[in-house]
Amino acid sequence: MATVHWICGLPGTGKTTFARQLSAGGKAVLLNHDGRMRARHGANPSAAIFADAAARVTEELWAEAAGYLAGGRDVVLDWGFWTRAERDDARRRIRAIGAGSVLYQCNCPHDLARRRTVERTLCGGEGVLMINAEAWDLFQARFEPLGSDEVRAGVVVVAED
């Protein structure tokens, strides 16, 4: 059975680095939300279009994932799954596809994640969306940690100091 490897965590916690490790050597297809957003809408999409554009990219990536999974390929979903609603929706979609599921939670101290994110924004690079310190703080305020029932459902924690 093909498996969805999906990663929960704030910007700067190491999600993309970990996603690349999971997909190394072609073991799984990496689907990266930030990279797709940047390719479609640039490094700094306006607030006026961001939510709608992000939702369209999410649907596009889920459709691609379903195709790969139907063909027997594992996929790695590299986006944050910041809210319980997003994670519940992911679980529903994965069940509907009939795939296996492994949820990874990337953690590191918030000051380190924030610093990494701001530095990454300053350096730019392929697939990088602009996230300044104020945006990171807003994202952190919106983030909903995994509930105890989610952890019991089988979560692999990836932590950095």
N, C-alpha and C. Protein backbone atom coordinates (compact mmCIF):
# COMPACT_ATOMS: atom_id res chain seq x y z
N MET A 1 0.84 -1.18 0.00
CA MET A 1 0.00 0.00 0.00
C MET A 1 0.89 1.24 0.00
N ALA A 2 0.58 2.16 -0.89
CA ALA A 2 1.30 3.42 -0.95
C ALA A 2 0.98 4.24 0.30
N THR A 3 1.93 5.09 0.68
CA THR A 3 1.82 5.83 1.94
C THR A 3 1.98 7.32 1.71
N VAL A 4 1.18 8.10 2.44
CA VAL A 4 1.32 9.55 2.49
C VAL A 4 2.14 9.88 3.73
N HIS A 5 3.26 10.55 3.51
CA HIS A 5 4.08 11.07 4.60
C HIS A 5 3.79 12.56 4.63
N TRP A 6 3.21 13.04 5.73
CA TRP A 6 2.83 14.45 5.79
C TRP A 6 3.41 15.07 7.04
N ILE A 7 3.73 16.35 6.93
CA ILE A 7 4.58 16.99 7.92
C ILE A 7 3.90 18.23 8.50
N CYS A 8 3.80 18.24 9.82
CA CYS A 8 3.19 19.34 10.56
C CYS A 8 4.29 20.15 11.24
N GLY A 9 4.22 21.46 11.14
CA GLY A 9 5.17 22.31 11.84
C GLY A 9 5.17 23.72 11.29
N LEU A 10 5.65 24.62 12.10
CA LEU A 10 5.77 26.02 11.72
C LEU A 10 6.90 26.23 10.72
N PRO A 11 6.91 27.37 10.03
CA PRO A 11 8.05 27.69 9.17
C PRO A 11 9.34 27.68 9.99
N GLY A 12 10.39 27.17 9.38
CA GLY A 12 11.71 27.18 10.02
C GLY A 12 11.98 26.01 10.95
N THR A 13 11.04 25.08 11.07
CA THR A 13 11.25 23.94 11.97
C THR A 13 11.94 22.76 11.30
N GLY A 14 12.21 22.87 10.01
CA GLY A 14 12.92 21.81 9.32
C GLY A 14 12.06 20.92 8.45
N LYS A 15 10.84 21.33 8.17
CA LYS A 15 9.92 20.49 7.38
C LYS A 15 10.48 20.15 6.01
N THR A 16 10.93 21.14 5.27
CA THR A 16 11.39 20.89 3.91
C THR A 16 12.67 20.07 3.90
N THR A 17 13.57 20.35 4.80
CA THR A 17 14.79 19.54 4.90
C THR A 17 14.43 18.09 5.18
N PHE A 18 13.53 17.87 6.11
CA PHE A 18 13.09 16.52 6.43
C PHE A 18 12.35 15.88 5.26
N ALA A 19 11.50 16.65 4.58
CA ALA A 19 10.76 16.14 3.43
C ALA A 19 11.72 15.67 2.34
N ARG A 20 12.77 16.42 2.12
CA ARG A 20 13.77 16.02 1.12
C ARG A 20 14.45 14.71 1.51
N GLN A 21 14.72 14.55 2.80
CA GLN A 21 15.31 13.29 3.27
C GLN A 21 14.36 12.12 3.03
N LEU A 22 13.08 12.33 3.32
CA LEU A 22 12.09 11.26 3.13
C LEU A 22 11.97 10.85 1.66
N SER A 23 12.14 11.80 0.77
CA SER A 23 11.96 11.51 -0.65
C SER A 23 13.27 11.22 -1.38
N ALA A 24 14.39 11.25 -0.67
CA ALA A 24 15.69 11.04 -1.29
C ALA A 24 15.75 9.71 -2.02
N GLY A 25 16.41 9.73 -3.14
CA GLY A 25 16.60 8.50 -3.91
C GLY A 25 15.33 8.01 -4.59
N GLY A 26 14.34 8.88 -4.70
CA GLY A 26 13.12 8.50 -5.39
C GLY A 26 12.22 7.59 -4.61
N LYS A 27 12.44 7.47 -3.30
CA LYS A 27 11.60 6.61 -2.48
C LYS A 27 10.16 7.11 -2.44
N ALA A 28 10.00 8.40 -2.58
CA ALA A 28 8.66 9.00 -2.55
C ALA A 28 8.69 10.28 -3.39
N VAL A 29 7.54 10.70 -3.86
CA VAL A 29 7.42 11.94 -4.62
C VAL A 29 7.18 13.08 -3.65
N LEU A 30 8.00 14.11 -3.73
CA LEU A 30 7.89 15.27 -2.86
C LEU A 30 6.97 16.31 -3.50
N LEU A 31 5.93 16.70 -2.76
CA LEU A 31 5.00 17.74 -3.19
C LEU A 31 5.11 18.90 -2.20
N ASN A 32 5.68 20.01 -2.65
CA ASN A 32 6.00 21.14 -1.80
C ASN A 32 5.08 22.31 -2.09
N HIS A 33 4.32 22.72 -1.10
CA HIS A 33 3.34 23.80 -1.25
C HIS A 33 3.99 25.14 -1.51
N ASP A 34 5.00 25.51 -0.74
CA ASP A 34 5.65 26.82 -0.92
C ASP A 34 6.25 26.96 -2.31
N GLY A 35 6.92 25.90 -2.77
CA GLY A 35 7.52 25.94 -4.09
C GLY A 35 6.48 26.14 -5.18
N ARG A 36 5.35 25.46 -5.05
CA ARG A 36 4.29 25.59 -6.04
C ARG A 36 3.68 26.99 -5.98
N MET A 37 3.50 27.52 -4.77
CA MET A 37 2.98 28.89 -4.63
C MET A 37 3.91 29.88 -5.30
N ARG A 38 5.19 29.74 -5.06
CA ARG A 38 6.15 30.68 -5.64
C ARG A 38 6.15 30.57 -7.16
N ALA A 39 6.10 29.35 -7.67
CA ALA A 39 6.09 29.15 -9.12
C ALA A 39 4.86 29.80 -9.76
N ARG A 40 3.74 29.76 -9.07
CA ARG A 40 2.49 30.30 -9.64
C ARG A 40 2.30 31.80 -9.36
N HIS A 41 2.76 32.26 -8.19
CA HIS A 41 2.39 33.61 -7.74
C HIS A 41 3.55 34.47 -7.27
N GLY A 42 4.78 34.01 -7.44
CA GLY A 42 5.94 34.78 -7.03
C GLY A 42 6.28 34.58 -5.56
N ALA A 43 7.37 35.21 -5.14
CA ALA A 43 7.88 35.02 -3.79
C ALA A 43 7.05 35.70 -2.72
N ASN A 44 6.25 36.70 -3.13
CA ASN A 44 5.50 37.47 -2.15
C ASN A 44 4.09 37.77 -2.66
N PRO A 45 3.23 36.73 -2.74
CA PRO A 45 1.87 36.97 -3.23
C PRO A 45 1.15 37.97 -2.33
N SER A 46 0.32 38.79 -2.93
CA SER A 46 -0.38 39.80 -2.16
C SER A 46 -1.39 39.16 -1.21
N ALA A 47 -1.66 39.85 -0.13
CA ALA A 47 -2.65 39.36 0.84
C ALA A 47 -4.02 39.19 0.19
N ALA A 48 -4.31 39.99 -0.81
CA ALA A 48 -5.62 39.94 -1.47
C ALA A 48 -5.86 38.61 -2.19
N ILE A 49 -4.79 37.98 -2.68
CA ILE A 49 -4.97 36.72 -3.41
C ILE A 49 -4.47 35.50 -2.65
N PHE A 50 -3.74 35.72 -1.56
CA PHE A 50 -3.01 34.62 -0.94
C PHE A 50 -3.91 33.43 -0.55
N ALA A 51 -4.97 33.68 0.19
CA ALA A 51 -5.80 32.57 0.70
C ALA A 51 -6.39 31.76 -0.44
N ASP A 52 -6.92 32.42 -1.46
CA ASP A 52 -7.51 31.71 -2.59
C ASP A 52 -6.44 30.95 -3.38
N ALA A 53 -5.30 31.59 -3.60
CA ALA A 53 -4.22 30.94 -4.33
C ALA A 53 -3.70 29.73 -3.57
N ALA A 54 -3.54 29.87 -2.26
CA ALA A 54 -3.06 28.74 -1.45
C ALA A 54 -4.06 27.59 -1.49
N ALA A 55 -5.34 27.89 -1.44
CA ALA A 55 -6.36 26.83 -1.50
C ALA A 55 -6.31 26.11 -2.84
N ARG A 56 -6.13 26.85 -3.93
CA ARG A 56 -6.04 26.21 -5.26
C ARG A 56 -4.80 25.32 -5.35
N VAL A 57 -3.68 25.79 -4.83
CA VAL A 57 -2.46 24.98 -4.85
C VAL A 57 -2.65 23.72 -4.01
N THR A 58 -3.29 23.86 -2.86
CA THR A 58 -3.54 22.69 -2.02
C THR A 58 -4.35 21.65 -2.77
N GLU A 59 -5.41 22.06 -3.44
CA GLU A 59 -6.25 21.12 -4.20
C GLU A 59 -5.46 20.47 -5.33
N GLU A 60 -4.65 21.26 -6.00
CA GLU A 60 -3.81 20.74 -7.09
C GLU A 60 -2.86 19.67 -6.56
N LEU A 61 -2.23 19.94 -5.42
CA LEU A 61 -1.28 18.98 -4.86
C LEU A 61 -1.98 17.71 -4.38
N TRP A 62 -3.16 17.85 -3.79
CA TRP A 62 -3.91 16.65 -3.38
C TRP A 62 -4.27 15.80 -4.60
N ALA A 63 -4.66 16.44 -5.69
CA ALA A 63 -4.99 15.68 -6.91
C ALA A 63 -3.76 14.94 -7.43
N GLU A 64 -2.61 15.60 -7.43
CA GLU A 64 -1.38 14.93 -7.84
C GLU A 64 -1.05 13.78 -6.92
N ALA A 65 -1.18 14.02 -5.62
CA ALA A 65 -0.89 12.96 -4.64
C ALA A 65 -1.76 11.74 -4.91
N ALA A 66 -3.04 11.97 -5.15
CA ALA A 66 -3.96 10.85 -5.40
C ALA A 66 -3.51 10.05 -6.62
N GLY A 67 -3.07 10.73 -7.65
CA GLY A 67 -2.59 10.04 -8.84
C GLY A 67 -1.37 9.18 -8.57
N TYR A 68 -0.41 9.74 -7.86
CA TYR A 68 0.79 8.96 -7.53
C TYR A 68 0.45 7.77 -6.64
N LEU A 69 -0.39 8.00 -5.65
CA LEU A 69 -0.76 6.93 -4.73
C LEU A 69 -1.51 5.81 -5.46
N ALA A 70 -2.38 6.17 -6.38
CA ALA A 70 -3.11 5.17 -7.17
C ALA A 70 -2.15 4.32 -7.98
N GLY A 71 -1.03 4.90 -8.37
CA GLY A 71 0.00 4.18 -9.11
C GLY A 71 0.99 3.44 -8.22
N GLY A 72 0.74 3.46 -6.92
CA GLY A 72 1.60 2.73 -5.99
C GLY A 72 2.79 3.48 -5.46
N ARG A 73 2.89 4.78 -5.75
CA ARG A 73 4.02 5.60 -5.27
C ARG A 73 3.69 6.27 -3.95
N ASP A 74 4.64 6.28 -3.04
CA ASP A 74 4.52 7.06 -1.81
C ASP A 74 4.67 8.54 -2.15
N VAL A 75 4.05 9.39 -1.34
CA VAL A 75 4.20 10.83 -1.50
C VAL A 75 4.56 11.46 -0.16
N VAL A 76 5.27 12.57 -0.25
CA VAL A 76 5.60 13.41 0.91
C VAL A 76 4.92 14.75 0.69
N LEU A 77 4.04 15.11 1.62
CA LEU A 77 3.34 16.40 1.55
C LEU A 77 4.06 17.39 2.44
N ASP A 78 4.73 18.33 1.81
CA ASP A 78 5.54 19.31 2.52
C ASP A 78 4.79 20.63 2.61
N TRP A 79 3.86 20.66 3.54
CA TRP A 79 3.24 21.93 3.96
C TRP A 79 2.87 21.78 5.42
N GLY A 80 2.49 22.84 6.08
CA GLY A 80 2.50 22.87 7.54
C GLY A 80 1.41 22.17 8.30
N PHE A 81 0.22 21.99 7.72
CA PHE A 81 -0.89 21.38 8.44
C PHE A 81 -1.01 22.00 9.84
N TRP A 82 -1.15 23.33 9.85
CA TRP A 82 -1.10 24.11 11.08
C TRP A 82 -2.33 23.98 11.95
N THR A 83 -3.47 23.67 11.37
CA THR A 83 -4.69 23.65 12.18
C THR A 83 -5.26 22.24 12.28
N ARG A 84 -6.03 22.02 13.32
CA ARG A 84 -6.69 20.73 13.49
C ARG A 84 -7.60 20.44 12.29
N ALA A 85 -8.29 21.46 11.82
CA ALA A 85 -9.19 21.27 10.68
C ALA A 85 -8.41 20.78 9.45
N GLU A 86 -7.24 21.36 9.19
CA GLU A 86 -6.42 20.91 8.06
C GLU A 86 -5.98 19.46 8.24
N ARG A 87 -5.61 19.12 9.46
CA ARG A 87 -5.14 17.74 9.71
C ARG A 87 -6.30 16.76 9.61
N ASP A 88 -7.48 17.13 10.11
CA ASP A 88 -8.64 16.25 9.99
C ASP A 88 -9.00 16.06 8.52
N ASP A 89 -8.93 17.15 7.74
CA ASP A 89 -9.20 17.05 6.30
C ASP A 89 -8.18 16.13 5.63
N ALA A 90 -6.92 16.25 6.00
CA ALA A 90 -5.89 15.38 5.43
C ALA A 90 -6.17 13.91 5.76
N ARG A 91 -6.54 13.64 6.99
CA ARG A 91 -6.87 12.26 7.36
C ARG A 91 -8.04 11.73 6.53
N ARG A 92 -9.06 12.55 6.35
CA ARG A 92 -10.22 12.15 5.55
C ARG A 92 -9.81 11.86 4.11
N ARG A 93 -9.01 12.74 3.53
CA ARG A 93 -8.57 12.56 2.14
C ARG A 93 -7.72 11.28 2.01
N ILE A 94 -6.83 11.06 2.94
CA ILE A 94 -5.96 9.89 2.87
C ILE A 94 -6.78 8.61 2.97
N ARG A 95 -7.75 8.59 3.89
CA ARG A 95 -8.64 7.42 3.99
C ARG A 95 -9.41 7.20 2.70
N ALA A 96 -9.92 8.29 2.10
CA ALA A 96 -10.70 8.18 0.86
C ALA A 96 -9.84 7.63 -0.28
N ILE A 97 -8.58 7.98 -0.30
CA ILE A 97 -7.67 7.49 -1.33
C ILE A 97 -7.32 6.01 -1.07
N GLY A 98 -7.37 5.61 0.21
CA GLY A 98 -7.02 4.23 0.57
C GLY A 98 -5.53 4.03 0.78
N ALA A 99 -4.84 5.09 1.14
CA ALA A 99 -3.40 5.02 1.35
C ALA A 99 -3.06 4.87 2.82
N GLY A 100 -1.83 4.48 3.09
CA GLY A 100 -1.30 4.50 4.44
C GLY A 100 -0.95 5.93 4.81
N SER A 101 -0.70 6.16 6.08
CA SER A 101 -0.46 7.52 6.55
C SER A 101 0.57 7.53 7.67
N VAL A 102 1.56 8.41 7.53
CA VAL A 102 2.49 8.69 8.62
C VAL A 102 2.57 10.20 8.75
N LEU A 103 2.22 10.71 9.94
CA LEU A 103 2.29 12.14 10.23
C LEU A 103 3.55 12.40 11.03
N TYR A 104 4.31 13.37 10.57
CA TYR A 104 5.54 13.79 11.25
C TYR A 104 5.31 15.19 11.81
N GLN A 105 5.80 15.40 13.02
CA GLN A 105 5.72 16.73 13.62
C GLN A 105 7.14 17.25 13.77
N CYS A 106 7.44 18.37 13.11
CA CYS A 106 8.75 18.99 13.22
C CYS A 106 8.71 20.06 14.30
N ASN A 107 9.59 19.95 15.24
CA ASN A 107 9.66 20.89 16.36
C ASN A 107 11.07 21.44 16.50
N CYS A 108 11.16 22.66 16.92
CA CYS A 108 12.40 23.27 17.39
C CYS A 108 11.99 24.51 18.16
N PRO A 109 12.89 25.07 18.95
CA PRO A 109 12.52 26.27 19.70
C PRO A 109 12.01 27.38 18.76
N HIS A 110 10.98 28.09 19.21
CA HIS A 110 10.36 29.11 18.36
C HIS A 110 11.33 30.19 17.94
N ASP A 111 12.24 30.60 18.83
CA ASP A 111 13.18 31.65 18.44
C ASP A 111 14.10 31.18 17.32
N LEU A 112 14.48 29.91 17.33
CA LEU A 112 15.31 29.36 16.26
C LEU A 112 14.52 29.27 14.95
N ALA A 113 13.30 28.78 15.00
CA ALA A 113 12.47 28.66 13.79
C ALA A 113 12.22 30.04 13.19
N ARG A 114 11.93 31.00 14.02
CA ARG A 114 11.67 32.37 13.55
C ARG A 114 12.92 32.95 12.89
N ARG A 115 14.07 32.79 13.54
CA ARG A 115 15.32 33.31 13.00
C ARG A 115 15.64 32.65 11.65
N ARG A 116 15.50 31.33 11.58
CA ARG A 116 15.76 30.61 10.32
C ARG A 116 14.86 31.14 9.20
N THR A 117 13.59 31.35 9.52
CA THR A 117 12.62 31.79 8.51
C THR A 117 12.98 33.17 7.99
N VAL A 118 13.31 34.08 8.88
CA VAL A 118 13.66 35.44 8.47
C VAL A 118 14.95 35.42 7.64
N GLU A 119 15.94 34.63 8.06
CA GLU A 119 17.19 34.53 7.31
C GLU A 119 16.95 33.94 5.92
N ARG A 120 16.12 32.91 5.85
CA ARG A 120 15.80 32.29 4.56
C ARG A 120 15.13 33.31 3.64
N THR A 121 14.25 34.13 4.18
CA THR A 121 13.58 35.16 3.39
C THR A 121 14.60 36.16 2.85
N LEU A 122 15.54 36.56 3.68
CA LEU A 122 16.55 37.52 3.25
C LEU A 122 17.44 36.96 2.15
N CYS A 123 17.74 35.66 2.23
CA CYS A 123 18.61 35.01 1.24
C CYS A 123 17.87 34.66 -0.05
N GLY A 124 16.57 34.48 0.06
CA GLY A 124 15.78 34.10 -1.11
C GLY A 124 16.10 32.67 -1.51
N GLY A 125 15.94 32.39 -2.76
CA GLY A 125 16.23 31.06 -3.26
C GLY A 125 15.00 30.40 -3.86
N GLU A 126 15.25 29.33 -4.55
CA GLU A 126 14.19 28.61 -5.25
C GLU A 126 13.15 28.08 -4.26
N GLY A 127 11.90 28.35 -4.54
CA GLY A 127 10.82 27.82 -3.73
C GLY A 127 10.55 28.54 -2.43
N VAL A 128 11.31 29.59 -2.14
CA VAL A 128 11.17 30.29 -0.87
C VAL A 128 10.11 31.38 -0.98
N LEU A 129 9.13 31.33 -0.09
CA LEU A 129 8.16 32.42 0.02
C LEU A 129 8.67 33.42 1.06
N MET A 130 8.37 34.67 0.86
CA MET A 130 8.81 35.70 1.79
C MET A 130 7.96 35.65 3.05
N ILE A 131 8.62 35.43 4.18
CA ILE A 131 7.96 35.44 5.48
C ILE A 131 8.84 36.28 6.41
N ASN A 132 8.38 37.47 6.74
CA ASN A 132 9.14 38.31 7.64
C ASN A 132 8.80 37.96 9.09
N ALA A 133 9.43 38.64 10.04
CA ALA A 133 9.22 38.33 11.45
C ALA A 133 7.76 38.52 11.87
N GLU A 134 7.13 39.56 11.37
CA GLU A 134 5.73 39.81 11.74
C GLU A 134 4.82 38.70 11.22
N ALA A 135 5.07 38.27 9.99
CA ALA A 135 4.26 37.18 9.43
C ALA A 135 4.49 35.90 10.23
N TRP A 136 5.74 35.61 10.59
CA TRP A 136 6.03 34.41 11.37
C TRP A 136 5.26 34.45 12.70
N ASP A 137 5.25 35.59 13.34
CA ASP A 137 4.51 35.73 14.60
C ASP A 137 3.02 35.47 14.40
N LEU A 138 2.48 35.96 13.30
CA LEU A 138 1.06 35.72 12.98
C LEU A 138 0.82 34.22 12.77
N PHE A 139 1.70 33.56 12.03
CA PHE A 139 1.55 32.12 11.79
C PHE A 139 1.64 31.34 13.10
N GLN A 140 2.55 31.74 13.95
CA GLN A 140 2.71 31.04 15.23
C GLN A 140 1.44 31.19 16.07
N ALA A 141 0.81 32.35 16.01
CA ALA A 141 -0.43 32.56 16.76
C ALA A 141 -1.57 31.71 16.20
N ARG A 142 -1.55 31.42 14.92
CA ARG A 142 -2.59 30.60 14.28
C ARG A 142 -2.36 29.10 14.44
N PHE A 143 -1.13 28.72 14.74
CA PHE A 143 -0.77 27.30 14.79
C PHE A 143 -1.49 26.58 15.94
N GLU A 144 -2.06 25.44 15.64
CA GLU A 144 -2.72 24.61 16.65
C GLU A 144 -1.89 23.35 16.86
N PRO A 145 -1.28 23.21 18.03
CA PRO A 145 -0.47 22.01 18.29
C PRO A 145 -1.33 20.75 18.15
N LEU A 146 -0.67 19.65 17.91
CA LEU A 146 -1.37 18.37 17.81
C LEU A 146 -2.08 18.07 19.12
N GLY A 147 -3.31 17.61 19.01
CA GLY A 147 -4.05 17.20 20.19
C GLY A 147 -3.57 15.83 20.66
N SER A 148 -3.83 15.50 21.90
CA SER A 148 -3.38 14.21 22.45
C SER A 148 -3.96 13.04 21.66
N ASP A 149 -5.17 13.18 21.14
CA ASP A 149 -5.76 12.11 20.33
C ASP A 149 -5.04 11.97 18.99
N GLU A 150 -4.47 13.07 18.48
CA GLU A 150 -3.71 12.99 17.24
C GLU A 150 -2.38 12.28 17.46
N VAL A 151 -1.76 12.52 18.59
CA VAL A 151 -0.49 11.88 18.88
C VAL A 151 -0.68 10.38 19.04
N ARG A 152 -1.75 10.00 19.71
CA ARG A 152 -2.03 8.56 19.86
C ARG A 152 -2.27 7.89 18.53
N ALA A 153 -2.69 8.67 17.53
CA ALA A 153 -2.98 8.11 16.21
C ALA A 153 -1.72 7.75 15.44
N GLY A 154 -0.55 7.98 16.02
CA GLY A 154 0.69 7.60 15.38
C GLY A 154 1.41 8.76 14.73
N VAL A 155 2.21 9.46 15.48
CA VAL A 155 2.96 10.61 15.00
C VAL A 155 4.43 10.37 15.29
N VAL A 156 5.26 10.67 14.32
CA VAL A 156 6.69 10.62 14.50
C VAL A 156 7.16 12.04 14.74
N VAL A 157 7.81 12.29 15.86
CA VAL A 157 8.27 13.64 16.19
C VAL A 157 9.72 13.80 15.74
N VAL A 158 9.94 14.84 14.99
CA VAL A 158 11.28 15.20 14.51
C VAL A 158 11.63 16.49 15.22
N ALA A 159 12.61 16.46 16.10
CA ALA A 159 12.92 17.64 16.91
C ALA A 159 14.37 18.06 16.69
N GLU A 160 14.57 19.37 16.72
CA GLU A 160 15.91 19.94 16.66
C GLU A 160 16.11 20.87 17.84
N ASP A 161 17.34 21.03 18.26
CA ASP A 161 17.66 21.98 19.34
C ASP A 161 18.08 23.30 18.78
